[in-house]
Amino acid sequence: MVVVAIYTAFHPTLQRDGFERLRAAKGIERVYILHDSKSDRYGFASRRNASKLAKWLEYFRPERVPINPQSFENVFSKLFAILYRECAIERREVYIDVTDLPPEAVAAVTTLALMFRGVHMYVVATTPEKRGDFIPPPDSPKFEEWLEQKDDKRGLEPVELQLPSIRLKLLSDDERELCERILLALYRRGGEAGSIRDLIEWCGDDPSMPAVKNRYSRLVDSLARKGFVYKAYRGRERPVYLTEFGRVYAHALVRAAEAVERRLLVVQRLRV
């Protein structure tokens, strides 16, 4: 059983659909509905849709939480109190729907998710044909006019979002090189290894050496704890798989290496 927190602005039906799917998969114990507390049009729309969502989910007796979604501090402090209770004290997992949240609030939620164990963020997508259905067709006369109307706001002074000075470090310096080799080896072979022995061979090491095998086993366990891989148990077999995050991270490593290679080629050509 998990806890769900939903900020709603314009898409309560979409969010209810996501909620029902999460409910079927996890089971839900408690619900928080966050809404815009400001007295502007966004606030009125958010409160109206929060009432609509609360009525749909009345079985769960949702607790409504007013926030200012454009204030990092306000969102951080309100959600901190919820997560401290649910995660730190009651040891529950919390799923936060960020589908309707603006950037300031998403930054606050992301920071909190990295601070509290058991916090998950999710978005609810719609069908491709419904995405952007409020935008006029690009080949219609109204398209350019609509874009110009939307581009009628002027900017104020940029507001830096305050983040912790200590950055997330998933891989320690002494493990990084080999861990990234393991992730890339898995990525280039479809995200799966039949055993740690396969991984050792793919990385160019000798699996018959106990010290090597122990080191790889320890690193795979570390990668599993950090969410990069997971291990399955099939009798005597111990296959290793990339998680979705592990796949994304490995893909980013590949793209970064390609960018460095392209840069080096440009530099070499300039020197010729």
C-alpha atoms as a PDB file:
ATOM      1  CA  MET A   1       0.000   0.000   0.000  1.00  0.00           C
ATOM      2  CA  VAL A   2       1.329   3.433  -0.967  1.00  0.00           C
ATOM      3  CA  VAL A   3       0.530   7.114  -0.523  1.00  0.00           C
ATOM      4  CA  VAL A   4      -0.302   9.330  -3.509  1.00  0.00           C
ATOM      5  CA  ALA A   5       0.048  13.115  -3.767  1.00  0.00           C
ATOM      6  CA  ILE A   6      -1.498  14.818  -6.803  1.00  0.00           C
ATOM      7  CA  TYR A   7      -1.201  18.460  -7.786  1.00  0.00           C
ATOM      8  CA  THR A   8      -4.056  19.279 -10.134  1.00  0.00           C
ATOM      9  CA  ALA A   9      -4.456  22.326 -12.331  1.00  0.00           C
ATOM     10  CA  PHE A  10      -6.101  21.565 -15.665  1.00  0.00           C
ATOM     11  CA  HIS A  11      -6.217  17.776 -16.112  1.00  0.00           C
ATOM     12  CA  PRO A  12      -8.155  16.076 -13.280  1.00  0.00           C
ATOM     13  CA  THR A  13      -9.615  13.407 -15.582  1.00  0.00           C
ATOM     14  CA  LEU A  14      -6.191  12.505 -16.913  1.00  0.00           C
ATOM     15  CA  GLN A  15      -4.849  12.327 -13.378  1.00  0.00           C
ATOM     16  CA  ARG A  16      -7.745  10.183 -12.189  1.00  0.00           C
ATOM     17  CA  ASP A  17      -6.969   7.706 -14.973  1.00  0.00           C
ATOM     18  CA  GLY A  18      -3.344   7.575 -13.850  1.00  0.00           C
ATOM     19  CA  PHE A  19      -4.457   7.196 -10.241  1.00  0.00           C
ATOM     20  CA  GLU A  20      -6.676   4.221 -11.094  1.00  0.00           C
ATOM     21  CA  ARG A  21      -3.833   2.458 -12.894  1.00  0.00           C
ATOM     22  CA  LEU A  22      -1.504   3.072  -9.969  1.00  0.00           C
ATOM     23  CA  ARG A  23      -4.207   1.852  -7.608  1.00  0.00           C
ATOM     24  CA  ALA A  24      -4.524  -1.411  -9.523  1.00  0.00           C
ATOM     25  CA  ALA A  25      -0.758  -1.951  -9.481  1.00  0.00           C
ATOM     26  CA  LYS A  26       0.145  -0.831  -5.944  1.00  0.00           C
ATOM     27  CA  GLY A  27      -2.892  -0.360  -3.769  1.00  0.00           C
ATOM     28  CA  ILE A  28      -3.368   3.084  -2.214  1.00  0.00           C
ATOM     29  CA  GLU A  29      -3.633   3.873   1.482  1.00  0.00           C
ATOM     30  CA  ARG A  30      -3.754   7.660   1.636  1.00  0.00           C
ATOM     31  CA  VAL A  31      -4.268  10.518  -0.825  1.00  0.00           C
ATOM     32  CA  TYR A  32      -3.181  14.162  -0.777  1.00  0.00           C
ATOM     33  CA  ILE A  33      -4.622  16.587  -3.323  1.00  0.00           C
ATOM     34  CA  LEU A  34      -2.465  19.679  -3.780  1.00  0.00           C
ATOM     35  CA  HIS A  35      -3.953  22.776  -5.381  1.00  0.00           C
ATOM     36  CA  ASP A  36      -2.998  26.354  -6.218  1.00  0.00           C
ATOM     37  CA  SER A  37      -3.770  28.720  -3.327  1.00  0.00           C
ATOM     38  CA  LYS A  38      -3.249  31.957  -5.283  1.00  0.00           C
ATOM     39  CA  SER A  39      -6.173  34.298  -6.014  1.00  0.00           C
ATOM     40  CA  ASP A  40      -5.503  34.511  -9.743  1.00  0.00           C
ATOM     41  CA  ARG A  41      -7.166  32.603 -12.586  1.00  0.00           C
ATOM     42  CA  TYR A  42      -4.783  29.663 -12.228  1.00  0.00           C
ATOM     43  CA  GLY A  43      -5.746  29.398  -8.557  1.00  0.00           C
ATOM     44  CA  PHE A  44      -9.465  29.388  -9.277  1.00  0.00           C
ATOM     45  CA  ALA A  45      -9.046  26.753 -11.991  1.00  0.00           C
ATOM     46  CA  SER A  46      -6.863  24.586  -9.761  1.00  0.00           C
ATOM     47  CA  ARG A  47      -9.256  24.737  -6.789  1.00  0.00           C
ATOM     48  CA  ARG A  48     -12.235  23.940  -8.995  1.00  0.00           C
ATOM     49  CA  ASN A  49     -10.505  20.884 -10.440  1.00  0.00           C
ATOM     50  CA  ALA A  50      -9.178  19.838  -7.035  1.00  0.00           C
ATOM     51  CA  SER A  51     -12.788  19.731  -5.791  1.00  0.00           C
ATOM     52  CA  LYS A  52     -13.728  17.629  -8.815  1.00  0.00           C
ATOM     53  CA  LEU A  53     -10.860  15.213  -8.179  1.00  0.00           C
ATOM     54  CA  ALA A  54     -11.617  15.065  -4.446  1.00  0.00           C
ATOM     55  CA  LYS A  55     -15.202  14.055  -5.177  1.00  0.00           C
ATOM     56  CA  TRP A  56     -14.066  11.254  -7.480  1.00  0.00           C
ATOM     57  CA  LEU A  57     -11.618  10.001  -4.834  1.00  0.00           C
ATOM     58  CA  GLU A  58     -13.827  10.597  -1.786  1.00  0.00           C
ATOM     59  CA  TYR A  59     -13.545   6.923  -0.775  1.00  0.00           C
ATOM     60  CA  PHE A  60      -9.923   7.673   0.220  1.00  0.00           C
ATOM     61  CA  ARG A  61     -10.884  10.808   2.196  1.00  0.00           C
ATOM     62  CA  PRO A  62      -8.192  12.865   0.463  1.00  0.00           C
ATOM     63  CA  GLU A  63      -6.453  15.607   2.393  1.00  0.00           C
ATOM     64  CA  ARG A  64      -6.340  18.872   0.451  1.00  0.00           C
ATOM     65  CA  VAL A  65      -3.131  20.878   0.677  1.00  0.00           C
ATOM     66  CA  PRO A  66      -2.985  24.468  -0.659  1.00  0.00           C
ATOM     67  CA  ILE A  67       0.354  25.468  -2.163  1.00  0.00           C
ATOM     68  CA  ASN A  68       1.860  28.264  -4.215  1.00  0.00           C
ATOM     69  CA  PRO A  69       3.195  26.255  -7.186  1.00  0.00           C
ATOM     70  CA  GLN A  70       5.396  29.156  -8.289  1.00  0.00           C
ATOM     71  CA  SER A  71       7.268  29.290  -4.988  1.00  0.00           C
ATOM     72  CA  PHE A  72      10.082  26.781  -4.523  1.00  0.00           C
ATOM     73  CA  GLU A  73      10.118  27.483  -0.790  1.00  0.00           C
ATOM     74  CA  ASN A  74       6.365  27.030  -0.354  1.00  0.00           C
ATOM     75  CA  VAL A  75       6.196  23.757  -2.281  1.00  0.00           C
ATOM     76  CA  PHE A  76       9.332  22.448  -0.571  1.00  0.00           C
ATOM     77  CA  SER A  77       8.079  23.193   2.959  1.00  0.00           C
ATOM     78  CA  LYS A  78       4.555  21.828   2.395  1.00  0.00           C
ATOM     79  CA  LEU A  79       5.761  18.606   0.808  1.00  0.00           C
ATOM     80  CA  PHE A  80       8.627  18.233   3.283  1.00  0.00           C
ATOM     81  CA  ALA A  81       6.081  17.985   6.099  1.00  0.00           C
ATOM     82  CA  ILE A  82       4.103  15.327   4.202  1.00  0.00           C
ATOM     83  CA  LEU A  83       7.163  13.280   3.279  1.00  0.00           C
ATOM     84  CA  TYR A  84       8.661  13.504   6.761  1.00  0.00           C
ATOM     85  CA  ARG A  85       5.491  11.997   8.157  1.00  0.00           C
ATOM     86  CA  GLU A  86       4.895   9.386   5.479  1.00  0.00           C
ATOM     87  CA  CYS A  87       8.451   8.342   4.601  1.00  0.00           C
ATOM     88  CA  ALA A  88      10.649   9.109   7.606  1.00  0.00           C
ATOM     89  CA  ILE A  89       8.190   8.249  10.391  1.00  0.00           C
ATOM     90  CA  GLU A  90       5.641   5.826   8.946  1.00  0.00           C
ATOM     91  CA  ARG A  91       8.016   4.250   6.387  1.00  0.00           C
ATOM     92  CA  ARG A  92       5.543   4.417   3.505  1.00  0.00           C
ATOM     93  CA  GLU A  93       6.281   4.886  -0.171  1.00  0.00           C
ATOM     94  CA  VAL A  94       4.907   8.070  -1.713  1.00  0.00           C
ATOM     95  CA  TYR A  95       4.060   8.605  -5.382  1.00  0.00           C
ATOM     96  CA  ILE A  96       3.856  12.240  -6.500  1.00  0.00           C
ATOM     97  CA  ASP A  97       1.991  13.149  -9.693  1.00  0.00           C
ATOM     98  CA  VAL A  98       3.885  16.066 -11.289  1.00  0.00           C
ATOM     99  CA  THR A  99       1.841  16.139 -14.518  1.00  0.00           C
ATOM    100  CA  ASP A 100       0.458  19.639 -13.903  1.00  0.00           C
ATOM    101  CA  LEU A 101       3.282  21.129 -11.840  1.00  0.00           C
ATOM    102  CA  PRO A 102       5.207  24.176 -13.141  1.00  0.00           C
ATOM    103  CA  PRO A 103       9.041  24.119 -13.280  1.00  0.00           C
ATOM    104  CA  GLU A 104       9.601  25.749  -9.876  1.00  0.00           C
ATOM    105  CA  ALA A 105       7.504  23.098  -8.163  1.00  0.00           C
ATOM    106  CA  VAL A 106       9.051  20.219 -10.119  1.00  0.00           C
ATOM    107  CA  ALA A 107      12.490  21.390  -8.969  1.00  0.00           C
ATOM    108  CA  ALA A 108      11.299  21.321  -5.337  1.00  0.00           C
ATOM    109  CA  VAL A 109       9.744  17.856  -5.715  1.00  0.00           C
ATOM    110  CA  THR A 110      12.883  16.506  -7.409  1.00  0.00           C
ATOM    111  CA  THR A 111      15.077  17.794  -4.590  1.00  0.00           C
ATOM    112  CA  LEU A 112      12.820  16.182  -1.994  1.00  0.00           C
ATOM    113  CA  ALA A 113      12.711  12.905  -3.916  1.00  0.00           C
ATOM    114  CA  LEU A 114      16.500  12.745  -3.668  1.00  0.00           C
ATOM    115  CA  MET A 115      16.361  13.431   0.074  1.00  0.00           C
ATOM    116  CA  PHE A 116      13.683  10.964   1.186  1.00  0.00           C
ATOM    117  CA  ARG A 117      13.890   7.241   0.570  1.00  0.00           C
ATOM    118  CA  GLY A 118      10.708   5.821  -0.925  1.00  0.00           C
ATOM    119  CA  VAL A 119       9.595   8.867  -2.938  1.00  0.00           C
ATOM    120  CA  HIS A 120       8.586   8.311  -6.560  1.00  0.00           C
ATOM    121  CA  MET A 121       7.665  10.908  -9.190  1.00  0.00           C
ATOM    122  CA  TYR A 122       5.379  10.168 -12.105  1.00  0.00           C
ATOM    123  CA  VAL A 123       3.566  11.840 -14.975  1.00  0.00           C
ATOM    124  CA  VAL A 124       0.380  10.740 -16.710  1.00  0.00           C
ATOM    125  CA  ALA A 125       0.597  10.890 -20.493  1.00  0.00           C
ATOM    126  CA  THR A 126      -2.327  11.066 -22.884  1.00  0.00           C
ATOM    127  CA  THR A 127      -2.823   9.462 -26.281  1.00  0.00           C
ATOM    128  CA  PRO A 128      -0.644  10.945 -29.083  1.00  0.00           C
ATOM    129  CA  GLU A 129      -3.630  12.307 -31.020  1.00  0.00           C
ATOM    130  CA  LYS A 130      -4.729  14.342 -27.968  1.00  0.00           C
ATOM    131  CA  ARG A 131      -1.355  15.950 -27.333  1.00  0.00           C
ATOM    132  CA  GLY A 132      -1.331  19.561 -28.447  1.00  0.00           C
ATOM    133  CA  ASP A 133      -4.924  19.384 -29.699  1.00  0.00           C
ATOM    134  CA  PHE A 134      -5.426  23.003 -28.525  1.00  0.00           C
ATOM    135  CA  ILE A 135      -2.792  24.228 -31.024  1.00  0.00           C
ATOM    136  CA  PRO A 136      -4.107  25.148 -34.496  1.00  0.00           C
ATOM    137  CA  PRO A 137      -2.815  22.914 -37.329  1.00  0.00           C
ATOM    138  CA  PRO A 138       0.633  24.132 -38.506  1.00  0.00           C
ATOM    139  CA  ASP A 139      -0.632  24.476 -42.095  1.00  0.00           C
ATOM    140  CA  SER A 140      -3.593  26.672 -41.098  1.00  0.00           C
ATOM    141  CA  PRO A 141      -3.654  30.497 -41.224  1.00  0.00           C
ATOM    142  CA  LYS A 142      -4.372  30.624 -37.494  1.00  0.00           C
ATOM    143  CA  PHE A 143      -1.161  28.833 -36.516  1.00  0.00           C
ATOM    144  CA  GLU A 144       1.203  31.824 -36.753  1.00  0.00           C
ATOM    145  CA  GLU A 145      -1.397  34.143 -35.264  1.00  0.00           C
ATOM    146  CA  TRP A 146      -1.911  31.813 -32.300  1.00  0.00           C
ATOM    147  CA  LEU A 147       1.842  31.550 -31.665  1.00  0.00           C
ATOM    148  CA  GLU A 148       2.246  35.324 -31.709  1.00  0.00           C
ATOM    149  CA  GLN A 149      -0.647  35.726 -29.276  1.00  0.00           C
ATOM    150  CA  LYS A 150       0.981  33.236 -26.930  1.00  0.00           C
ATOM    151  CA  ASP A 151       4.302  35.055 -27.162  1.00  0.00           C
ATOM    152  CA  ASP A 152       2.947  38.253 -25.626  1.00  0.00           C
ATOM    153  CA  LYS A 153       4.631  38.126 -22.213  1.00  0.00           C
ATOM    154  CA  ARG A 154       7.771  39.961 -21.149  1.00  0.00           C
ATOM    155  CA  GLY A 155      10.240  38.521 -18.683  1.00  0.00           C
ATOM    156  CA  LEU A 156      11.293  39.737 -15.239  1.00  0.00           C
ATOM    157  CA  GLU A 157      14.556  39.099 -13.411  1.00  0.00           C
ATOM    158  CA  PRO A 158      15.506  35.376 -13.527  1.00  0.00           C
ATOM    159  CA  VAL A 159      14.896  33.600 -10.222  1.00  0.00           C
ATOM    160  CA  GLU A 160      17.492  30.995  -9.294  1.00  0.00           C
ATOM    161  CA  LEU A 161      16.018  27.898  -7.678  1.00  0.00           C
ATOM    162  CA  GLN A 162      17.870  27.149  -4.450  1.00  0.00           C
ATOM    163  CA  LEU A 163      19.333  23.648  -4.407  1.00  0.00           C
ATOM    164  CA  PRO A 164      21.647  21.854  -1.964  1.00  0.00           C
ATOM    165  CA  SER A 165      25.325  22.617  -2.534  1.00  0.00           C
ATOM    166  CA  ILE A 166      26.170  18.909  -2.288  1.00  0.00           C
ATOM    167  CA  ARG A 167      25.376  17.149  -5.544  1.00  0.00           C
ATOM    168  CA  LEU A 168      24.156  13.610  -5.991  1.00  0.00           C
ATOM    169  CA  LYS A 169      27.064  11.242  -6.593  1.00  0.00           C
ATOM    170  CA  LEU A 170      25.823   7.809  -7.597  1.00  0.00           C
ATOM    171  CA  LEU A 171      29.202   6.302  -8.459  1.00  0.00           C
ATOM    172  CA  SER A 172      32.301   6.801  -6.329  1.00  0.00           C
ATOM    173  CA  ASP A 173      35.532   7.795  -8.049  1.00  0.00           C
ATOM    174  CA  ASP A 174      37.208   4.442  -7.410  1.00  0.00           C
ATOM    175  CA  GLU A 175      34.232   2.498  -8.829  1.00  0.00           C
ATOM    176  CA  ARG A 176      33.109   4.762 -11.648  1.00  0.00           C
ATOM    177  CA  GLU A 177      35.258   3.428 -14.503  1.00  0.00           C
ATOM    178  CA  LEU A 178      34.409  -0.241 -14.034  1.00  0.00           C
ATOM    179  CA  CYS A 179      30.780   0.417 -13.148  1.00  0.00           C
ATOM    180  CA  GLU A 180      30.322   2.395 -16.353  1.00  0.00           C
ATOM    181  CA  ARG A 181      32.026  -0.384 -18.327  1.00  0.00           C
ATOM    182  CA  ILE A 182      29.523  -2.844 -16.837  1.00  0.00           C
ATOM    183  CA  LEU A 183      26.568  -0.626 -17.703  1.00  0.00           C
ATOM    184  CA  LEU A 184      27.797  -0.056 -21.256  1.00  0.00           C
ATOM    185  CA  ALA A 185      28.431  -3.776 -21.726  1.00  0.00           C
ATOM    186  CA  LEU A 186      24.850  -4.518 -20.725  1.00  0.00           C
ATOM    187  CA  TYR A 187      23.477  -1.672 -22.861  1.00  0.00           C
ATOM    188  CA  ARG A 188      25.296  -2.849 -25.997  1.00  0.00           C
ATOM    189  CA  ARG A 189      23.937  -6.375 -25.552  1.00  0.00           C
ATOM    190  CA  GLY A 190      20.292  -5.570 -25.138  1.00  0.00           C
ATOM    191  CA  GLY A 191      20.324  -4.815 -21.415  1.00  0.00           C
ATOM    192  CA  GLU A 192      20.766  -8.394 -20.204  1.00  0.00           C
ATOM    193  CA  ALA A 193      23.601 -10.680 -19.117  1.00  0.00           C
ATOM    194  CA  GLY A 194      23.030 -14.354 -18.398  1.00  0.00           C
ATOM    195  CA  SER A 195      25.468 -14.241 -15.507  1.00  0.00           C
ATOM    196  CA  ILE A 196      28.158 -12.147 -13.855  1.00  0.00           C
ATOM    197  CA  ARG A 197      30.665 -14.370 -15.663  1.00  0.00           C
ATOM    198  CA  ASP A 198      29.341 -13.015 -18.966  1.00  0.00           C
ATOM    199  CA  LEU A 199      29.756  -9.462 -17.718  1.00  0.00           C
ATOM    200  CA  ILE A 200      33.349 -10.117 -16.700  1.00  0.00           C
ATOM    201  CA  GLU A 201      34.191 -11.523 -20.124  1.00  0.00           C
ATOM    202  CA  TRP A 202      32.429  -8.659 -21.931  1.00  0.00           C
ATOM    203  CA  CYS A 203      34.514  -6.182 -19.931  1.00  0.00           C
ATOM    204  CA  GLY A 204      37.747  -7.958 -20.892  1.00  0.00           C
ATOM    205  CA  ASP A 205      38.611  -9.510 -17.533  1.00  0.00           C
ATOM    206  CA  ASP A 206      39.246 -13.107 -16.473  1.00  0.00           C
ATOM    207  CA  PRO A 207      36.233 -14.734 -14.705  1.00  0.00           C
ATOM    208  CA  SER A 208      38.361 -17.629 -13.442  1.00  0.00           C
ATOM    209  CA  MET A 209      40.165 -15.341 -10.987  1.00  0.00           C
ATOM    210  CA  PRO A 210      38.361 -15.254  -7.591  1.00  0.00           C
ATOM    211  CA  ALA A 211      39.401 -11.663  -6.869  1.00  0.00           C
ATOM    212  CA  VAL A 212      37.981 -10.485 -10.194  1.00  0.00           C
ATOM    213  CA  LYS A 213      34.734 -12.376  -9.701  1.00  0.00           C
ATOM    214  CA  ASN A 214      34.351 -11.014  -6.174  1.00  0.00           C
ATOM    215  CA  ARG A 215      34.939  -7.462  -7.334  1.00  0.00           C
ATOM    216  CA  TYR A 216      32.333  -7.713 -10.102  1.00  0.00           C
ATOM    217  CA  SER A 217      29.822  -9.329  -7.742  1.00  0.00           C
ATOM    218  CA  ARG A 218      30.312  -6.502  -5.273  1.00  0.00           C
ATOM    219  CA  LEU A 219      29.920  -3.829  -7.946  1.00  0.00           C
ATOM    220  CA  VAL A 220      26.806  -5.442  -9.427  1.00  0.00           C
ATOM    221  CA  ASP A 221      25.287  -5.527  -5.936  1.00  0.00           C
ATOM    222  CA  SER A 222      26.161  -1.849  -5.535  1.00  0.00           C
ATOM    223  CA  LEU A 223      24.610  -0.993  -8.921  1.00  0.00           C
ATOM    224  CA  ALA A 224      21.475  -2.913  -7.936  1.00  0.00           C
ATOM    225  CA  ARG A 225      21.136  -0.977  -4.668  1.00  0.00           C
ATOM    226  CA  LYS A 226      21.469   2.289  -6.581  1.00  0.00           C
ATOM    227  CA  GLY A 227      18.811   1.380  -9.130  1.00  0.00           C
ATOM    228  CA  PHE A 228      20.988   0.819 -12.221  1.00  0.00           C
ATOM    229  CA  VAL A 229      20.475  -2.945 -12.526  1.00  0.00           C
ATOM    230  CA  TYR A 230      18.470  -5.738 -10.999  1.00  0.00           C
ATOM    231  CA  LYS A 231      19.235  -9.401 -10.561  1.00  0.00           C
ATOM    232  CA  ALA A 232      16.907 -12.315 -11.167  1.00  0.00           C
ATOM    233  CA  TYR A 233      17.127 -15.814  -9.742  1.00  0.00           C
ATOM    234  CA  ARG A 234      16.463 -18.733 -12.069  1.00  0.00           C
ATOM    235  CA  GLY A 235      17.668 -21.858 -10.339  1.00  0.00           C
ATOM    236  CA  ARG A 236      21.441 -21.745 -10.494  1.00  0.00           C
ATOM    237  CA  GLU A 237      21.406 -18.879 -12.995  1.00  0.00           C
ATOM    238  CA  ARG A 238      21.775 -15.268 -11.857  1.00  0.00           C
ATOM    239  CA  PRO A 239      20.997 -13.048 -14.851  1.00  0.00           C
ATOM    240  CA  VAL A 240      21.575  -9.300 -14.575  1.00  0.00           C
ATOM    241  CA  TYR A 241      19.350  -6.713 -16.257  1.00  0.00           C
ATOM    242  CA  LEU A 242      19.505  -2.968 -16.766  1.00  0.00           C
ATOM    243  CA  THR A 243      16.688  -1.070 -15.098  1.00  0.00           C
ATOM    244  CA  GLU A 244      15.016   1.663 -17.137  1.00  0.00           C
ATOM    245  CA  PHE A 245      17.146   4.225 -15.298  1.00  0.00           C
ATOM    246  CA  GLY A 246      20.245   2.126 -15.968  1.00  0.00           C
ATOM    247  CA  ARG A 247      19.383   2.043 -19.676  1.00  0.00           C
ATOM    248  CA  VAL A 248      18.878   5.826 -19.754  1.00  0.00           C
ATOM    249  CA  TYR A 249      22.170   6.397 -17.889  1.00  0.00           C
ATOM    250  CA  ALA A 250      24.095   4.064 -20.225  1.00  0.00           C
ATOM    251  CA  HIS A 251      22.568   5.750 -23.269  1.00  0.00           C
ATOM    252  CA  ALA A 252      23.688   9.110 -21.874  1.00  0.00           C
ATOM    253  CA  LEU A 253      27.236   7.731 -21.493  1.00  0.00           C
ATOM    254  CA  VAL A 254      27.202   6.680 -25.147  1.00  0.00           C
ATOM    255  CA  ARG A 255      25.955  10.084 -26.284  1.00  0.00           C
ATOM    256  CA  ALA A 256      28.553  11.871 -24.126  1.00  0.00           C
ATOM    257  CA  ALA A 257      31.372   9.763 -25.597  1.00  0.00           C
ATOM    258  CA  GLU A 258      30.136  10.476 -29.127  1.00  0.00           C
ATOM    259  CA  ALA A 259      30.063  14.217 -28.395  1.00  0.00           C
ATOM    260  CA  VAL A 260      33.645  14.117 -27.098  1.00  0.00           C
ATOM    261  CA  GLU A 261      34.779  12.218 -30.207  1.00  0.00           C
ATOM    262  CA  ARG A 262      33.102  14.734 -32.506  1.00  0.00           C
ATOM    263  CA  ARG A 263      34.775  17.579 -30.625  1.00  0.00           C
ATOM    264  CA  LEU A 264      38.187  15.930 -30.934  1.00  0.00           C
ATOM    265  CA  LEU A 265      37.689  15.471 -34.690  1.00  0.00           C
ATOM    266  CA  VAL A 266      36.848  19.157 -35.070  1.00  0.00           C
ATOM    267  CA  VAL A 267      39.944  20.158 -33.099  1.00  0.00           C
ATOM    268  CA  GLN A 268      42.152  17.839 -35.204  1.00  0.00           C
ATOM    269  CA  ARG A 269      40.792  19.279 -38.451  1.00  0.00           C
ATOM    270  CA  LEU A 270      41.412  22.818 -37.258  1.00  0.00           C
ATOM    271  CA  ARG A 271      45.046  21.950 -36.544  1.00  0.00           C
ATOM    272  CA  VAL A 272      45.653  20.516 -40.014  1.00  0.00           C
END
